[in-house]
Amino acid sequence: MPTPLTHFIAGAAVSQISPNTRGHYLRYALVFGVLAALPDLDFTAFFLDIPYGHPLGHRGFSHSPAFAAALGVTGALILRADRNGARSGRPARSSAWAS
């Protein structure tokens, strides 16, 4: 049975085939892994007494195309900010979350 851990491993593995990692293999593996595992964290709905068929239940909204698109955009923005920070010589966090 797939688990968030196996989804994380699959996402991290897929990140390694990207030609744009440029030495940031661990960072990309973490981002891809977390994004791949997020939809399956909906199993926590069982502990919150949310029924299986509920839109927020297991295999509900977190497995929808809208959620997948939102995760994809989030991942792209995170990695774009990381790349922009690397180009400017600044740490990635300061370029992504500057005040």
PDB file of N, CA and C in Angstrom:
ATOM      1  N   MET A   1       0.842  -1.177   0.000  1.00  0.00           N
ATOM      2  CA  MET A   1       0.000   0.000   0.000  1.00  0.00           C
ATOM      3  C   MET A   1       0.893   1.249   0.000  1.00  0.00           C
ATOM      4  N   PRO A   2       0.645   2.182  -0.902  1.00  0.00           N
ATOM      5  CA  PRO A   2       1.432   3.410  -0.940  1.00  0.00           C
ATOM      6  C   PRO A   2       1.224   4.230   0.332  1.00  0.00           C
ATOM      7  N   THR A   3       2.257   4.888   0.738  1.00  0.00           N
ATOM      8  CA  THR A   3       2.215   5.741   1.918  1.00  0.00           C
ATOM      9  C   THR A   3       2.842   7.078   1.562  1.00  0.00           C
ATOM     10  N   PRO A   4       2.685   8.092   2.427  1.00  0.00           N
ATOM     11  CA  PRO A   4       3.377   9.353   2.168  1.00  0.00           C
ATOM     12  C   PRO A   4       4.893   9.152   2.033  1.00  0.00           C
ATOM     13  N   LEU A   5       5.446   8.195   2.753  1.00  0.00           N
ATOM     14  CA  LEU A   5       6.889   7.954   2.661  1.00  0.00           C
ATOM     15  C   LEU A   5       7.278   7.451   1.270  1.00  0.00           C
ATOM     16  N   THR A   6       6.514   6.517   0.725  1.00  0.00           N
ATOM     17  CA  THR A   6       6.851   6.011  -0.611  1.00  0.00           C
ATOM     18  C   THR A   6       6.619   7.089  -1.674  1.00  0.00           C
ATOM     19  N   HIS A   7       5.631   7.942  -1.465  1.00  0.00           N
ATOM     20  CA  HIS A   7       5.420   9.043  -2.401  1.00  0.00           C
ATOM     21  C   HIS A   7       6.596  10.028  -2.322  1.00  0.00           C
ATOM     22  N   PHE A   8       7.083  10.276  -1.113  1.00  0.00           N
ATOM     23  CA  PHE A   8       8.241  11.159  -0.938  1.00  0.00           C
ATOM     24  C   PHE A   8       9.445  10.589  -1.681  1.00  0.00           C
ATOM     25  N   ILE A   9       9.693   9.309  -1.522  1.00  0.00           N
ATOM     26  CA  ILE A   9      10.836   8.667  -2.182  1.00  0.00           C
ATOM     27  C   ILE A   9      10.701   8.770  -3.698  1.00  0.00           C
ATOM     28  N   ALA A  10       9.499   8.538  -4.214  1.00  0.00           N
ATOM     29  CA  ALA A  10       9.287   8.626  -5.662  1.00  0.00           C
ATOM     30  C   ALA A  10       9.514  10.060  -6.153  1.00  0.00           C
ATOM     31  N   GLY A  11       9.001  11.040  -5.441  1.00  0.00           N
ATOM     32  CA  GLY A  11       9.206  12.437  -5.830  1.00  0.00           C
ATOM     33  C   GLY A  11      10.666  12.834  -5.792  1.00  0.00           C
ATOM     34  N   ALA A  12      11.361  12.392  -4.758  1.00  0.00           N
ATOM     35  CA  ALA A  12      12.792  12.699  -4.648  1.00  0.00           C
ATOM     36  C   ALA A  12      13.565  12.041  -5.777  1.00  0.00           C
ATOM     37  N   ALA A  13      13.191  10.829  -6.150  1.00  0.00           N
ATOM     38  CA  ALA A  13      13.872  10.135  -7.240  1.00  0.00           C
ATOM     39  C   ALA A  13      13.637  10.837  -8.570  1.00  0.00           C
ATOM     40  N   VAL A  14      12.408  11.281  -8.803  1.00  0.00           N
ATOM     41  CA  VAL A  14      12.100  11.983 -10.055  1.00  0.00           C
ATOM     42  C   VAL A  14      12.888  13.287 -10.142  1.00  0.00           C
ATOM     43  N   SER A  15      13.125  13.938  -9.025  1.00  0.00           N
ATOM     44  CA  SER A  15      13.862  15.202  -9.045  1.00  0.00           C
ATOM     45  C   SER A  15      15.276  15.029  -9.577  1.00  0.00           C
ATOM     46  N   GLN A  16      15.814  13.862  -9.461  1.00  0.00           N
ATOM     47  CA  GLN A  16      17.205  13.644  -9.869  1.00  0.00           C
ATOM     48  C   GLN A  16      17.382  13.553 -11.375  1.00  0.00           C
ATOM     49  N   ILE A  17      16.294  13.429 -12.125  1.00  0.00           N
ATOM     50  CA  ILE A  17      16.425  13.371 -13.577  1.00  0.00           C
ATOM     51  C   ILE A  17      16.284  14.743 -14.219  1.00  0.00           C
ATOM     52  N   SER A  18      16.001  15.760 -13.416  1.00  0.00           N
ATOM     53  CA  SER A  18      15.855  17.112 -13.936  1.00  0.00           C
ATOM     54  C   SER A  18      17.218  17.661 -14.354  1.00  0.00           C
ATOM     55  N   PRO A  19      17.313  18.226 -15.557  1.00  0.00           N
ATOM     56  CA  PRO A  19      18.596  18.777 -16.001  1.00  0.00           C
ATOM     57  C   PRO A  19      18.933  20.110 -15.344  1.00  0.00           C
ATOM     58  N   ASN A  20      18.008  20.687 -14.601  1.00  0.00           N
ATOM     59  CA  ASN A  20      18.210  22.021 -14.031  1.00  0.00           C
ATOM     60  C   ASN A  20      18.645  22.026 -12.576  1.00  0.00           C
ATOM     61  N   THR A  21      19.050  20.901 -12.027  1.00  0.00           N
ATOM     62  CA  THR A  21      19.383  20.864 -10.608  1.00  0.00           C
ATOM     63  C   THR A  21      20.681  21.588 -10.281  1.00  0.00           C
ATOM     64  N   ARG A  22      21.642  21.608 -11.185  1.00  0.00           N
ATOM     65  CA  ARG A  22      22.902  22.341 -11.036  1.00  0.00           C
ATOM     66  C   ARG A  22      23.525  22.226  -9.657  1.00  0.00           C
ATOM     67  N   GLY A  23      23.693  21.031  -9.164  1.00  0.00           N
ATOM     68  CA  GLY A  23      24.348  20.828  -7.884  1.00  0.00           C
ATOM     69  C   GLY A  23      23.456  20.991  -6.668  1.00  0.00           C
ATOM     70  N   HIS A  24      22.196  21.272  -6.864  1.00  0.00           N
ATOM     71  CA  HIS A  24      21.268  21.435  -5.739  1.00  0.00           C
ATOM     72  C   HIS A  24      20.409  20.191  -5.592  1.00  0.00           C
ATOM     73  N   TYR A  25      21.020  19.038  -5.684  1.00  0.00           N
ATOM     74  CA  TYR A  25      20.274  17.785  -5.713  1.00  0.00           C
ATOM     75  C   TYR A  25      19.441  17.575  -4.463  1.00  0.00           C
ATOM     76  N   LEU A  26      19.998  17.848  -3.298  1.00  0.00           N
ATOM     77  CA  LEU A  26      19.262  17.631  -2.054  1.00  0.00           C
ATOM     78  C   LEU A  26      18.072  18.571  -1.959  1.00  0.00           C
ATOM     79  N   ARG A  27      18.261  19.822  -2.313  1.00  0.00           N
ATOM     80  CA  ARG A  27      17.177  20.805  -2.236  1.00  0.00           C
ATOM     81  C   ARG A  27      16.024  20.404  -3.156  1.00  0.00           C
ATOM     82  N   TYR A  28      16.355  20.003  -4.382  1.00  0.00           N
ATOM     83  CA  TYR A  28      15.316  19.582  -5.320  1.00  0.00           C
ATOM     84  C   TYR A  28      14.637  18.301  -4.829  1.00  0.00           C
ATOM     85  N   ALA A  29      15.409  17.385  -4.293  1.00  0.00           N
ATOM     86  CA  ALA A  29      14.840  16.136  -3.789  1.00  0.00           C
ATOM     87  C   ALA A  29      13.852  16.418  -2.658  1.00  0.00           C
ATOM     88  N   LEU A  30      14.181  17.349  -1.771  1.00  0.00           N
ATOM     89  CA  LEU A  30      13.271  17.687  -0.668  1.00  0.00           C
ATOM     90  C   LEU A  30      11.987  18.332  -1.180  1.00  0.00           C
ATOM     91  N   VAL A  31      12.115  19.280  -2.104  1.00  0.00           N
ATOM     92  CA  VAL A  31      10.924  19.959  -2.630  1.00  0.00           C
ATOM     93  C   VAL A  31      10.032  18.968  -3.370  1.00  0.00           C
ATOM     94  N   PHE A  32      10.619  18.190  -4.286  1.00  0.00           N
ATOM     95  CA  PHE A  32       9.822  17.231  -5.045  1.00  0.00           C
ATOM     96  C   PHE A  32       9.219  16.168  -4.124  1.00  0.00           C
ATOM     97  N   GLY A  33       9.995  15.713  -3.144  1.00  0.00           N
ATOM     98  CA  GLY A  33       9.512  14.689  -2.221  1.00  0.00           C
ATOM     99  C   GLY A  33       8.337  15.162  -1.387  1.00  0.00           C
ATOM    100  N   VAL A  34       8.459  16.356  -0.827  1.00  0.00           N
ATOM    101  CA  VAL A  34       7.375  16.899  -0.001  1.00  0.00           C
ATOM    102  C   VAL A  34       6.122  17.126  -0.847  1.00  0.00           C
ATOM    103  N   LEU A  35       6.291  17.688  -2.039  1.00  0.00           N
ATOM    104  CA  LEU A  35       5.130  17.929  -2.897  1.00  0.00           C
ATOM    105  C   LEU A  35       4.452  16.631  -3.311  1.00  0.00           C
ATOM    106  N   ALA A  36       5.233  15.575  -3.511  1.00  0.00           N
ATOM    107  CA  ALA A  36       4.645  14.284  -3.885  1.00  0.00           C
ATOM    108  C   ALA A  36       3.915  13.638  -2.711  1.00  0.00           C
ATOM    109  N   ALA A  37       4.372  13.875  -1.497  1.00  0.00           N
ATOM    110  CA  ALA A  37       3.779  13.248  -0.318  1.00  0.00           C
ATOM    111  C   ALA A  37       2.557  14.000   0.216  1.00  0.00           C
ATOM    112  N   LEU A  38       2.457  15.282  -0.043  1.00  0.00           N
ATOM    113  CA  LEU A  38       1.377  16.081   0.533  1.00  0.00           C
ATOM    114  C   LEU A  38      -0.027  15.532   0.287  1.00  0.00           C
ATOM    115  N   PRO A  39      -0.385  15.125  -0.919  1.00  0.00           N
ATOM    116  CA  PRO A  39      -1.759  14.642  -1.113  1.00  0.00           C
ATOM    117  C   PRO A  39      -2.108  13.432  -0.245  1.00  0.00           C
ATOM    118  N   ASP A  40      -1.157  12.594   0.066  1.00  0.00           N
ATOM    119  CA  ASP A  40      -1.473  11.409   0.858  1.00  0.00           C
ATOM    120  C   ASP A  40      -1.467  11.663   2.358  1.00  0.00           C
ATOM    121  N   LEU A  41      -1.202  12.878   2.759  1.00  0.00           N
ATOM    122  CA  LEU A  41      -1.326  13.190   4.182  1.00  0.00           C
ATOM    123  C   LEU A  41      -2.783  13.354   4.583  1.00  0.00           C
ATOM    124  N   ASP A  42      -3.685  13.173   3.612  1.00  0.00           N
ATOM    125  CA  ASP A  42      -5.114  13.266   3.910  1.00  0.00           C
ATOM    126  C   ASP A  42      -5.609  12.091   4.762  1.00  0.00           C
ATOM    127  N   PHE A  43      -4.762  11.109   4.998  1.00  0.00           N
ATOM    128  CA  PHE A  43      -5.162  10.000   5.872  1.00  0.00           C
ATOM    129  C   PHE A  43      -5.452  10.501   7.277  1.00  0.00           C
ATOM    130  N   THR A  44      -4.949  11.679   7.626  1.00  0.00           N
ATOM    131  CA  THR A  44      -5.215  12.236   8.958  1.00  0.00           C
ATOM    132  C   THR A  44      -6.705  12.522   9.151  1.00  0.00           C
ATOM    133  N   ALA A  45      -7.470  12.580   8.061  1.00  0.00           N
ATOM    134  CA  ALA A  45      -8.916  12.797   8.173  1.00  0.00           C
ATOM    135  C   ALA A  45      -9.578  11.690   8.989  1.00  0.00           C
ATOM    136  N   PHE A  46      -9.033  10.476   8.917  1.00  0.00           N
ATOM    137  CA  PHE A  46      -9.590   9.368   9.701  1.00  0.00           C
ATOM    138  C   PHE A  46      -9.505   9.660  11.192  1.00  0.00           C
ATOM    139  N   PHE A  47      -8.412  10.285  11.623  1.00  0.00           N
ATOM    140  CA  PHE A  47      -8.227  10.585  13.040  1.00  0.00           C
ATOM    141  C   PHE A  47      -9.065  11.779  13.488  1.00  0.00           C
ATOM    142  N   LEU A  48      -9.526  12.565  12.525  1.00  0.00           N
ATOM    143  CA  LEU A  48     -10.357  13.724  12.831  1.00  0.00           C
ATOM    144  C   LEU A  48     -11.840  13.427  12.644  1.00  0.00           C
ATOM    145  N   ASP A  49     -12.161  12.148  12.456  1.00  0.00           N
ATOM    146  CA  ASP A  49     -13.531  11.686  12.264  1.00  0.00           C
ATOM    147  C   ASP A  49     -14.218  12.316  11.047  1.00  0.00           C
ATOM    148  N   ILE A  50     -13.439  12.599  10.019  1.00  0.00           N
ATOM    149  CA  ILE A  50     -14.009  13.080   8.760  1.00  0.00           C
ATOM    150  C   ILE A  50     -14.298  11.849   7.911  1.00  0.00           C
ATOM    151  N   PRO A  51     -15.542  11.669   7.465  1.00  0.00           N
ATOM    152  CA  PRO A  51     -15.886  10.461   6.705  1.00  0.00           C
ATOM    153  C   PRO A  51     -15.113  10.352   5.393  1.00  0.00           C
ATOM    154  N   TYR A  52     -14.960   9.128   4.923  1.00  0.00           N
ATOM    155  CA  TYR A  52     -14.220   8.853   3.694  1.00  0.00           C
ATOM    156  C   TYR A  52     -14.790   9.621   2.507  1.00  0.00           C
ATOM    157  N   GLY A  53     -16.101   9.700   2.387  1.00  0.00           N
ATOM    158  CA  GLY A  53     -16.733  10.347   1.248  1.00  0.00           C
ATOM    159  C   GLY A  53     -16.793  11.869   1.314  1.00  0.00           C
ATOM    160  N   HIS A  54     -16.383  12.452   2.406  1.00  0.00           N
ATOM    161  CA  HIS A  54     -16.409  13.902   2.582  1.00  0.00           C
ATOM    162  C   HIS A  54     -15.379  14.550   1.643  1.00  0.00           C
ATOM    163  N   PRO A  55     -15.666  15.747   1.116  1.00  0.00           N
ATOM    164  CA  PRO A  55     -14.705  16.403   0.218  1.00  0.00           C
ATOM    165  C   PRO A  55     -13.323  16.618   0.838  1.00  0.00           C
ATOM    166  N   LEU A  56     -13.256  16.729   2.151  1.00  0.00           N
ATOM    167  CA  LEU A  56     -11.957  16.878   2.808  1.00  0.00           C
ATOM    168  C   LEU A  56     -11.433  15.549   3.341  1.00  0.00           C
ATOM    169  N   GLY A  57     -12.146  14.476   3.075  1.00  0.00           N
ATOM    170  CA  GLY A  57     -11.735  13.157   3.540  1.00  0.00           C
ATOM    171  C   GLY A  57     -10.650  12.558   2.663  1.00  0.00           C
ATOM    172  N   HIS A  58     -10.360  11.298   2.953  1.00  0.00           N
ATOM    173  CA  HIS A  58      -9.325  10.580   2.214  1.00  0.00           C
ATOM    174  C   HIS A  58      -9.721  10.481   0.742  1.00  0.00           C
ATOM    175  N   ARG A  59      -8.825  10.832  -0.130  1.00  0.00           N
ATOM    176  CA  ARG A  59      -9.024  10.857  -1.589  1.00  0.00           C
ATOM    177  C   ARG A  59     -10.028  11.934  -1.997  1.00  0.00           C
ATOM    178  N   GLY A  60     -10.130  12.958  -1.192  1.00  0.00           N
ATOM    179  CA  GLY A  60     -11.027  14.069  -1.503  1.00  0.00           C
ATOM    180  C   GLY A  60     -10.287  15.168  -2.253  1.00  0.00           C
ATOM    181  N   PHE A  61     -10.377  16.396  -1.764  1.00  0.00           N
ATOM    182  CA  PHE A  61      -9.801  17.558  -2.432  1.00  0.00           C
ATOM    183  C   PHE A  61      -8.301  17.419  -2.678  1.00  0.00           C
ATOM    184  N   SER A  62      -7.604  16.781  -1.756  1.00  0.00           N
ATOM    185  CA  SER A  62      -6.147  16.694  -1.915  1.00  0.00           C
ATOM    186  C   SER A  62      -5.729  15.815  -3.091  1.00  0.00           C
ATOM    187  N   HIS A  63      -6.657  15.095  -3.677  1.00  0.00           N
ATOM    188  CA  HIS A  63      -6.364  14.283  -4.860  1.00  0.00           C
ATOM    189  C   HIS A  63      -7.029  14.855  -6.112  1.00  0.00           C
ATOM    190  N   SER A  64      -7.393  16.124  -6.063  1.00  0.00           N
ATOM    191  CA  SER A  64      -8.076  16.749  -7.197  1.00  0.00           C
ATOM    192  C   SER A  64      -7.068  17.414  -8.141  1.00  0.00           C
ATOM    193  N   PRO A  65      -7.467  17.635  -9.376  1.00  0.00           N
ATOM    194  CA  PRO A  65      -6.592  18.357 -10.308  1.00  0.00           C
ATOM    195  C   PRO A  65      -6.260  19.777  -9.824  1.00  0.00           C
ATOM    196  N   ALA A  66      -7.192  20.422  -9.147  1.00  0.00           N
ATOM    197  CA  ALA A  66      -6.929  21.776  -8.640  1.00  0.00           C
ATOM    198  C   ALA A  66      -5.819  21.762  -7.594  1.00  0.00           C
ATOM    199  N   PHE A  67      -5.849  20.778  -6.707  1.00  0.00           N
ATOM    200  CA  PHE A  67      -4.807  20.667  -5.684  1.00  0.00           C
ATOM    201  C   PHE A  67      -3.467  20.349  -6.335  1.00  0.00           C
ATOM    202  N   ALA A  68      -3.475  19.466  -7.324  1.00  0.00           N
ATOM    203  CA  ALA A  68      -2.235  19.116  -8.031  1.00  0.00           C
ATOM    204  C   ALA A  68      -1.659  20.346  -8.733  1.00  0.00           C
ATOM    205  N   ALA A  69      -2.523  21.142  -9.352  1.00  0.00           N
ATOM    206  CA  ALA A  69      -2.050  22.352 -10.026  1.00  0.00           C
ATOM    207  C   ALA A  69      -1.466  23.340  -9.018  1.00  0.00           C
ATOM    208  N   ALA A  70      -2.136  23.494  -7.877  1.00  0.00           N
ATOM    209  CA  ALA A  70      -1.630  24.403  -6.848  1.00  0.00           C
ATOM    210  C   ALA A  70      -0.265  23.938  -6.332  1.00  0.00           C
ATOM    211  N   LEU A  71      -0.101  22.642  -6.127  1.00  0.00           N
ATOM    212  CA  LEU A  71       1.198  22.129  -5.684  1.00  0.00           C
ATOM    213  C   LEU A  71       2.265  22.335  -6.756  1.00  0.00           C
ATOM    214  N   GLY A  72       1.897  22.134  -8.009  1.00  0.00           N
ATOM    215  CA  GLY A  72       2.853  22.343  -9.093  1.00  0.00           C
ATOM    216  C   GLY A  72       3.321  23.784  -9.178  1.00  0.00           C
ATOM    217  N   VAL A  73       2.393  24.712  -9.067  1.00  0.00           N
ATOM    218  CA  VAL A  73       2.748  26.136  -9.097  1.00  0.00           C
ATOM    219  C   VAL A  73       3.606  26.488  -7.887  1.00  0.00           C
ATOM    220  N   THR A  74       3.241  25.968  -6.719  1.00  0.00           N
ATOM    221  CA  THR A  74       4.026  26.221  -5.515  1.00  0.00           C
ATOM    222  C   THR A  74       5.454  25.717  -5.684  1.00  0.00           C
ATOM    223  N   GLY A  75       5.597  24.499  -6.168  1.00  0.00           N
ATOM    224  CA  GLY A  75       6.932  23.942  -6.379  1.00  0.00           C
ATOM    225  C   GLY A  75       7.736  24.738  -7.381  1.00  0.00           C
ATOM    226  N   ALA A  76       7.087  25.160  -8.468  1.00  0.00           N
ATOM    227  CA  ALA A  76       7.783  25.954  -9.485  1.00  0.00           C
ATOM    228  C   ALA A  76       8.256  27.277  -8.905  1.00  0.00           C
ATOM    229  N   LEU A  77       7.424  27.919  -8.082  1.00  0.00           N
ATOM    230  CA  LEU A  77       7.814  29.192  -7.478  1.00  0.00           C
ATOM    231  C   LEU A  77       8.967  29.013  -6.497  1.00  0.00           C
ATOM    232  N   ILE A  78       8.927  27.953  -5.718  1.00  0.00           N
ATOM    233  CA  ILE A  78      10.011  27.688  -4.771  1.00  0.00           C
ATOM    234  C   ILE A  78      11.323  27.470  -5.511  1.00  0.00           C
ATOM    235  N   LEU A  79      11.289  26.642  -6.531  1.00  0.00           N
ATOM    236  CA  LEU A  79      12.518  26.336  -7.256  1.00  0.00           C
ATOM    237  C   LEU A  79      12.981  27.515  -8.110  1.00  0.00           C
ATOM    238  N   ARG A  80      12.062  28.313  -8.599  1.00  0.00           N
ATOM    239  CA  ARG A  80      12.447  29.513  -9.359  1.00  0.00           C
ATOM    240  C   ARG A  80      13.134  30.510  -8.439  1.00  0.00           C
ATOM    241  N   ALA A  81      12.581  30.700  -7.244  1.00  0.00           N
ATOM    242  CA  ALA A  81      13.210  31.601  -6.277  1.00  0.00           C
ATOM    243  C   ALA A  81      14.590  31.082  -5.904  1.00  0.00           C
ATOM    244  N   ASP A  82      14.717  29.776  -5.806  1.00  0.00           N
ATOM    245  CA  ASP A  82      16.005  29.176  -5.488  1.00  0.00           C
ATOM    246  C   ASP A  82      17.004  29.455  -6.598  1.00  0.00           C
ATOM    247  N   ARG A  83      16.583  29.284  -7.846  1.00  0.00           N
ATOM    248  CA  ARG A  83      17.482  29.536  -8.981  1.00  0.00           C
ATOM    249  C   ARG A  83      17.842  31.001  -9.074  1.00  0.00           C
ATOM    250  N   ASN A  84      16.889  31.890  -8.855  1.00  0.00           N
ATOM    251  CA  ASN A  84      17.177  33.329  -8.910  1.00  0.00           C
ATOM    252  C   ASN A  84      18.148  33.730  -7.818  1.00  0.00           C
ATOM    253  N   GLY A  85      18.019  33.139  -6.645  1.00  0.00           N
ATOM    254  CA  GLY A  85      18.947  33.423  -5.555  1.00  0.00           C
ATOM    255  C   GLY A  85      20.344  32.940  -5.889  1.00  0.00           C
ATOM    256  N   ALA A  86      20.454  31.800  -6.560  1.00  0.00           N
ATOM    257  CA  ALA A  86      21.759  31.263  -6.927  1.00  0.00           C
ATOM    258  C   ALA A  86      22.425  32.146  -7.972  1.00  0.00           C
ATOM    259  N   ARG A  87      21.655  32.706  -8.893  1.00  0.00           N
ATOM    260  CA  ARG A  87      22.221  33.575  -9.930  1.00  0.00           C
ATOM    261  C   ARG A  87      22.732  34.885  -9.361  1.00  0.00           C
ATOM    262  N   SER A  88      22.028  35.414  -8.369  1.00  0.00           N
ATOM    263  CA  SER A  88      22.412  36.712  -7.830  1.00  0.00           C
ATOM    264  C   SER A  88      23.498  36.604  -6.774  1.00  0.00           C
ATOM    265  N   GLY A  89      23.806  35.386  -6.367  1.00  0.00           N
ATOM    266  CA  GLY A  89      24.824  35.206  -5.338  1.00  0.00           C
ATOM    267  C   GLY A  89      24.285  35.308  -3.926  1.00  0.00           C
ATOM    268  N   ARG A  90      23.003  35.626  -3.796  1.00  0.00           N
ATOM    269  CA  ARG A  90      22.382  35.700  -2.474  1.00  0.00           C
ATOM    270  C   ARG A  90      21.873  34.330  -2.074  1.00  0.00           C
ATOM    271  N   PRO A  91      21.732  34.087  -0.788  1.00  0.00           N
ATOM    272  CA  PRO A  91      21.109  32.833  -0.356  1.00  0.00           C
ATOM    273  C   PRO A  91      19.677  32.773  -0.870  1.00  0.00           C
ATOM    274  N   ALA A  92      19.212  31.576  -1.171  1.00  0.00           N
ATOM    275  CA  ALA A  92      17.882  31.402  -1.758  1.00  0.00           C
ATOM    276  C   ALA A  92      16.790  31.944  -0.859  1.00  0.00           C
ATOM    277  N   ARG A  93      16.896  31.767   0.423  1.00  0.00           N
ATOM    278  CA  ARG A  93      15.832  32.237   1.319  1.00  0.00           C
ATOM    279  C   ARG A  93      15.668  33.740   1.280  1.00  0.00           C
ATOM    280  N   SER A  94      16.764  34.484   1.212  1.00  0.00           N
ATOM    281  CA  SER A  94      16.629  35.926   1.215  1.00  0.00           C
ATOM    282  C   SER A  94      15.962  36.427  -0.064  1.00  0.00           C
ATOM    283  N   SER A  95      16.164  35.716  -1.182  1.00  0.00           N
ATOM    284  CA  SER A  95      15.534  36.156  -2.418  1.00  0.00           C
ATOM    285  C   SER A  95      14.070  35.740  -2.485  1.00  0.00           C
ATOM    286  N   ALA A  96      13.727  34.638  -1.834  1.00  0.00           N
ATOM    287  CA  ALA A  96      12.350  34.139  -1.911  1.00  0.00           C
ATOM    288  C   ALA A  96      11.446  34.807  -0.889  1.00  0.00           C
ATOM    289  N   TRP A  97      11.979  35.110   0.278  1.00  0.00           N
ATOM    290  CA  TRP A  97      11.140  35.640   1.345  1.00  0.00           C
ATOM    291  C   TRP A  97      11.668  36.963   1.866  1.00  0.00           C
ATOM    292  N   ALA A  98      12.128  37.799   0.989  1.00  0.00           N
ATOM    293  CA  ALA A  98      12.666  39.083   1.409  1.00  0.00           C
ATOM    294  C   ALA A  98      11.522  39.986   1.885  1.00  0.00           C
ATOM    295  N   SER A  99      11.819  40.830   2.868  1.00  0.00           N
ATOM    296  CA  SER A  99      10.772  41.716   3.344  1.00  0.00           C
ATOM    297  C   SER A  99      10.812  43.033   2.631  1.00  0.00           C
TER     298      SER A  99
END
